[in-house]
C-alpha atoms as a PDB file:
ATOM      1  CA  MET A   1      72.021 -21.239-158.177  1.00  0.00           C
ATOM      2  CA  THR A   2      70.080 -20.489-160.975  1.00  0.00           C
ATOM      3  CA  ALA A   3      70.918 -19.602-164.142  1.00  0.00           C
ATOM      4  CA  ALA A   4      69.440 -16.185-163.503  1.00  0.00           C
ATOM      5  CA  GLN A   5      71.647 -15.650-160.269  1.00  0.00           C
ATOM      6  CA  ALA A   6      74.836 -17.729-162.458  1.00  0.00           C
ATOM      7  CA  PHE A   7      73.774 -14.156-164.872  1.00  0.00           C
ATOM      8  CA  SER A   8      74.449 -11.666-162.601  1.00  0.00           C
ATOM      9  CA  LEU A   9      77.395 -13.628-160.765  1.00  0.00           C
ATOM     10  CA  ALA A  10      78.898 -13.753-164.312  1.00  0.00           C
ATOM     11  CA  ASN A  11      78.130  -9.966-165.410  1.00  0.00           C
ATOM     12  CA  LEU A  12      80.182  -8.980-161.840  1.00  0.00           C
ATOM     13  CA  ALA A  13      82.534 -10.960-162.374  1.00  0.00           C
ATOM     14  CA  VAL A  14      83.929  -9.234-165.897  1.00  0.00           C
ATOM     15  CA  VAL A  15      83.550  -5.612-164.142  1.00  0.00           C
ATOM     16  CA  PRO A  16      87.552  -6.289-162.504  1.00  0.00           C
ATOM     17  CA  GLY A  17      88.858  -6.563-165.604  1.00  0.00           C
ATOM     18  CA  TRP A  18      87.248  -4.157-168.022  1.00  0.00           C
ATOM     19  CA  LEU A  19      88.378  -1.351-165.053  1.00  0.00           C
ATOM     20  CA  MET A  20      91.868  -2.200-165.240  1.00  0.00           C
ATOM     21  CA  LEU A  21      92.199  -2.240-168.906  1.00  0.00           C
ATOM     22  CA  LEU A  22      90.626   0.913-168.625  1.00  0.00           C
ATOM     23  CA  PHE A  23      92.574   2.294-165.361  1.00  0.00           C
ATOM     24  CA  LEU A  24      95.801   0.733-165.304  1.00  0.00           C
ATOM     25  CA  PRO A  25      96.110  -1.009-169.517  1.00  0.00           C
ATOM     26  CA  ARG A  26      99.821  -1.817-168.823  1.00  0.00           C
ATOM     27  CA  ARG A  27     100.444  -4.124-165.648  1.00  0.00           C
ATOM     28  CA  ARG A  28     100.705  -7.276-165.368  1.00  0.00           C
ATOM     29  CA  GLU A  29      98.269  -8.086-163.562  1.00  0.00           C
ATOM     30  CA  THR A  30      96.086  -6.387-165.883  1.00  0.00           C
ATOM     31  CA  ARG A  31      97.027  -8.467-168.781  1.00  0.00           C
ATOM     32  CA  MET A  32      96.723 -11.810-166.958  1.00  0.00           C
ATOM     33  CA  LEU A  33      93.210 -11.109-165.620  1.00  0.00           C
ATOM     34  CA  ALA A  34      91.510  -9.597-168.367  1.00  0.00           C
ATOM     35  CA  ALA A  35      93.422 -11.952-171.092  1.00  0.00           C
ATOM     36  CA  TYR A  36      94.410 -15.206-169.350  1.00  0.00           C
ATOM     37  CA  VAL A  37      91.902 -15.889-166.488  1.00  0.00           C
ATOM     38  CA  LEU A  38      88.880 -14.588-166.424  1.00  0.00           C
ATOM     39  CA  PRO A  39      88.152 -15.422-170.175  1.00  0.00           C
ATOM     40  CA  SER A  40      88.981 -19.291-169.120  1.00  0.00           C
ATOM     41  CA  VAL A  41      86.932 -19.141-165.982  1.00  0.00           C
ATOM     42  CA  LEU A  42      84.059 -18.199-168.317  1.00  0.00           C
ATOM     43  CA  GLY A  43      85.365 -20.741-170.944  1.00  0.00           C
ATOM     44  CA  VAL A  44      85.183 -23.665-168.359  1.00  0.00           C
ATOM     45  CA  ALA A  45      82.151 -22.686-167.229  1.00  0.00           C
ATOM     46  CA  TYR A  46      80.633 -22.295-170.660  1.00  0.00           C
ATOM     47  CA  LEU A  47      82.091 -25.400-171.042  1.00  0.00           C
ATOM     48  CA  LEU A  48      79.783 -27.260-168.269  1.00  0.00           C
ATOM     49  CA  ILE A  49      77.006 -26.386-169.090  1.00  0.00           C
ATOM     50  CA  MET A  50      77.182 -27.425-172.452  1.00  0.00           C
ATOM     51  CA  VAL A  51      78.416 -31.081-171.507  1.00  0.00           C
ATOM     52  CA  ARG A  52      75.659 -30.869-168.780  1.00  0.00           C
ATOM     53  CA  GLU A  53      72.475 -29.510-171.316  1.00  0.00           C
ATOM     54  CA  TYR A  54      73.508 -29.587-174.948  1.00  0.00           C
ATOM     55  CA  GLY A  55      70.743 -31.765-176.249  1.00  0.00           C
ATOM     56  CA  THR A  56      68.599 -31.364-173.377  1.00  0.00           C
ATOM     57  CA  SER A  57      66.165 -29.284-174.780  1.00  0.00           C
ATOM     58  CA  GLY A  58      66.544 -29.999-178.584  1.00  0.00           C
ATOM     59  CA  GLY A  59      67.564 -27.096-181.295  1.00  0.00           C
ATOM     60  CA  GLY A  60      71.323 -26.963-181.961  1.00  0.00           C
ATOM     61  CA  PHE A  61      73.274 -24.495-185.226  1.00  0.00           C
ATOM     62  CA  GLY A  62      72.188 -25.263-188.265  1.00  0.00           C
ATOM     63  CA  SER A  63      69.942 -22.604-188.880  1.00  0.00           C
ATOM     64  CA  LEU A  64      67.964 -19.586-186.960  1.00  0.00           C
ATOM     65  CA  GLU A  65      65.200 -21.552-185.777  1.00  0.00           C
ATOM     66  CA  GLN A  66      67.565 -24.187-183.962  1.00  0.00           C
ATOM     67  CA  VAL A  67      69.280 -21.339-182.109  1.00  0.00           C
ATOM     68  CA  ALA A  68      66.206 -19.824-181.707  1.00  0.00           C
ATOM     69  CA  GLN A  69      65.009 -23.322-179.685  1.00  0.00           C
ATOM     70  CA  LEU A  70      68.314 -23.616-178.608  1.00  0.00           C
ATOM     71  CA  PHE A  71      67.728 -20.747-176.786  1.00  0.00           C
ATOM     72  CA  GLN A  72      64.647 -21.505-174.876  1.00  0.00           C
ATOM     73  CA  ASN A  73      66.638 -23.332-172.454  1.00  0.00           C
ATOM     74  CA  PRO A  74      67.807 -20.383-169.832  1.00  0.00           C
ATOM     75  CA  TRP A  75      71.119 -22.681-168.944  1.00  0.00           C
ATOM     76  CA  LEU A  76      71.562 -22.222-172.726  1.00  0.00           C
ATOM     77  CA  LEU A  77      70.823 -19.033-172.703  1.00  0.00           C
ATOM     78  CA  LEU A  78      73.479 -17.738-170.192  1.00  0.00           C
ATOM     79  CA  ALA A  79      75.875 -19.942-171.765  1.00  0.00           C
ATOM     80  CA  GLY A  80      75.758 -18.167-175.255  1.00  0.00           C
ATOM     81  CA  TRP A  81      75.958 -14.905-173.150  1.00  0.00           C
ATOM     82  CA  LEU A  82      79.355 -16.273-171.320  1.00  0.00           C
ATOM     83  CA  HIS A  83      80.436 -16.724-175.063  1.00  0.00           C
ATOM     84  CA  TYR A  84      80.157 -13.200-175.147  1.00  0.00           C
ATOM     85  CA  LEU A  85      81.771 -11.706-171.984  1.00  0.00           C
ATOM     86  CA  ALA A  86      84.359 -13.921-172.478  1.00  0.00           C
ATOM     87  CA  PHE A  87      84.753 -13.274-176.527  1.00  0.00           C
ATOM     88  CA  ASP A  88      84.400  -9.428-175.438  1.00  0.00           C
ATOM     89  CA  LEU A  89      87.264  -9.525-172.334  1.00  0.00           C
ATOM     90  CA  PHE A  90      89.367 -10.647-174.505  1.00  0.00           C
ATOM     91  CA  ILE A  91      89.418  -8.460-177.111  1.00  0.00           C
ATOM     92  CA  GLY A  92      89.531  -5.900-175.414  1.00  0.00           C
ATOM     93  CA  ALA A  93      92.836  -7.223-173.414  1.00  0.00           C
ATOM     94  CA  TRP A  94      93.979  -7.173-177.412  1.00  0.00           C
ATOM     95  CA  GLN A  95      92.856  -3.897-177.946  1.00  0.00           C
ATOM     96  CA  VAL A  96      95.511  -2.354-175.078  1.00  0.00           C
ATOM     97  CA  ARG A  97      98.347  -4.756-175.625  1.00  0.00           C
ATOM     98  CA  ASP A  98      97.728  -3.982-179.622  1.00  0.00           C
ATOM     99  CA  ALA A  99      97.831  -0.148-178.667  1.00  0.00           C
ATOM    100  CA  ALA A 100     100.475  -0.268-176.125  1.00  0.00           C
ATOM    101  CA  ARG A 101     103.009  -2.017-178.585  1.00  0.00           C
ATOM    102  CA  LEU A 102     102.615   0.373-181.238  1.00  0.00           C
ATOM    103  CA  SER A 103     102.302   3.755-179.246  1.00  0.00           C
ATOM    104  CA  ILE A 104      98.785   4.278-179.600  1.00  0.00           C
ATOM    105  CA  PRO A 105      97.853   6.541-176.601  1.00  0.00           C
ATOM    106  CA  HIS A 106      95.320   5.126-174.203  1.00  0.00           C
ATOM    107  CA  ALA A 107      92.872   7.621-174.851  1.00  0.00           C
ATOM    108  CA  TYR A 108      91.946   6.800-177.946  1.00  0.00           C
ATOM    109  CA  VAL A 109      91.228   2.683-177.341  1.00  0.00           C
ATOM    110  CA  VAL A 110      88.578   3.746-174.188  1.00  0.00           C
ATOM    111  CA  PRO A 111      86.443   4.665-176.213  1.00  0.00           C
ATOM    112  CA  CYS A 112      86.816   1.702-177.913  1.00  0.00           C
ATOM    113  CA  LEU A 113      87.114  -0.841-174.843  1.00  0.00           C
ATOM    114  CA  PHE A 114      83.497   0.709-173.882  1.00  0.00           C
ATOM    115  CA  LEU A 115      81.555  -0.131-177.855  1.00  0.00           C
ATOM    116  CA  THR A 116      83.675  -3.731-176.885  1.00  0.00           C
ATOM    117  CA  PHE A 117      82.016  -4.058-173.727  1.00  0.00           C
ATOM    118  CA  LEU A 118      78.907  -2.813-175.062  1.00  0.00           C
ATOM    119  CA  ALA A 119      79.058  -4.231-178.475  1.00  0.00           C
ATOM    120  CA  GLY A 120      82.049  -6.306-178.919  1.00  0.00           C
ATOM    121  CA  PRO A 121      82.328  -6.098-182.950  1.00  0.00           C
ATOM    122  CA  ILE A 122      81.612  -2.561-183.627  1.00  0.00           C
ATOM    123  CA  GLY A 123      84.262  -1.640-180.567  1.00  0.00           C
ATOM    124  CA  LEU A 124      86.474  -4.297-182.771  1.00  0.00           C
ATOM    125  CA  PHE A 125      85.521  -2.457-185.815  1.00  0.00           C
ATOM    126  CA  VAL A 126      86.173   1.627-184.092  1.00  0.00           C
ATOM    127  CA  TYR A 127      89.789   0.182-182.573  1.00  0.00           C
ATOM    128  CA  PHE A 128      91.061  -1.030-186.631  1.00  0.00           C
ATOM    129  CA  MET A 129      89.299   2.133-188.182  1.00  0.00           C
ATOM    130  CA  ILE A 130      91.068   4.278-185.457  1.00  0.00           C
ATOM    131  CA  ARG A 131      94.714   2.180-185.693  1.00  0.00           C
ATOM    132  CA  ALA A 132      94.946   2.792-189.843  1.00  0.00           C
ATOM    133  CA  MET A 133      94.829   6.351-189.221  1.00  0.00           C
ATOM    134  CA  ILE A 134      97.241   6.197-186.504  1.00  0.00           C
ATOM    135  CA  VAL A 135      99.872   3.300-188.167  1.00  0.00           C
ATOM    136  CA  ARG A 136      98.813   3.525-191.447  1.00  0.00           C
ATOM    137  CA  ARG A 137      98.209  -0.358-191.642  1.00  0.00           C
ATOM    138  CA  LEU A 138      95.805  -2.505-190.228  1.00  0.00           C
ATOM    139  CA  PRO A 139      96.567  -5.967-188.194  1.00  0.00           C
ATOM    140  CA  SER A 140      98.927  -8.523-190.757  1.00  0.00           C
END
């Protein structure tokens, strides 16, 4: 399997988790898949890639130039993408759980999920703003 094929597979793998967060937010299966199973699978794939590829092509995390050099390796670039996929899905699952716990209507969370899927930190920021307006406090 090439890095490009693995990229496509990983993108498809997270779709069920996101769809369940959108349409079946309070199901136990949703929580398990979106918060634990899929991020863990992506985490294992990340670990395996990093163990196999890190240090093979130079670069590192000490400067922007080093990161750019590191990501010249398509497998390490894929590892970076898996990092985004796993964390964004985990954050989306947290948003759904937190909103349910605070009785925030799911309709308010749906735009946050889309934004988290497309641009993780923006979706999290918007969720925090919605949360603050409804419950009058940010997470402690």
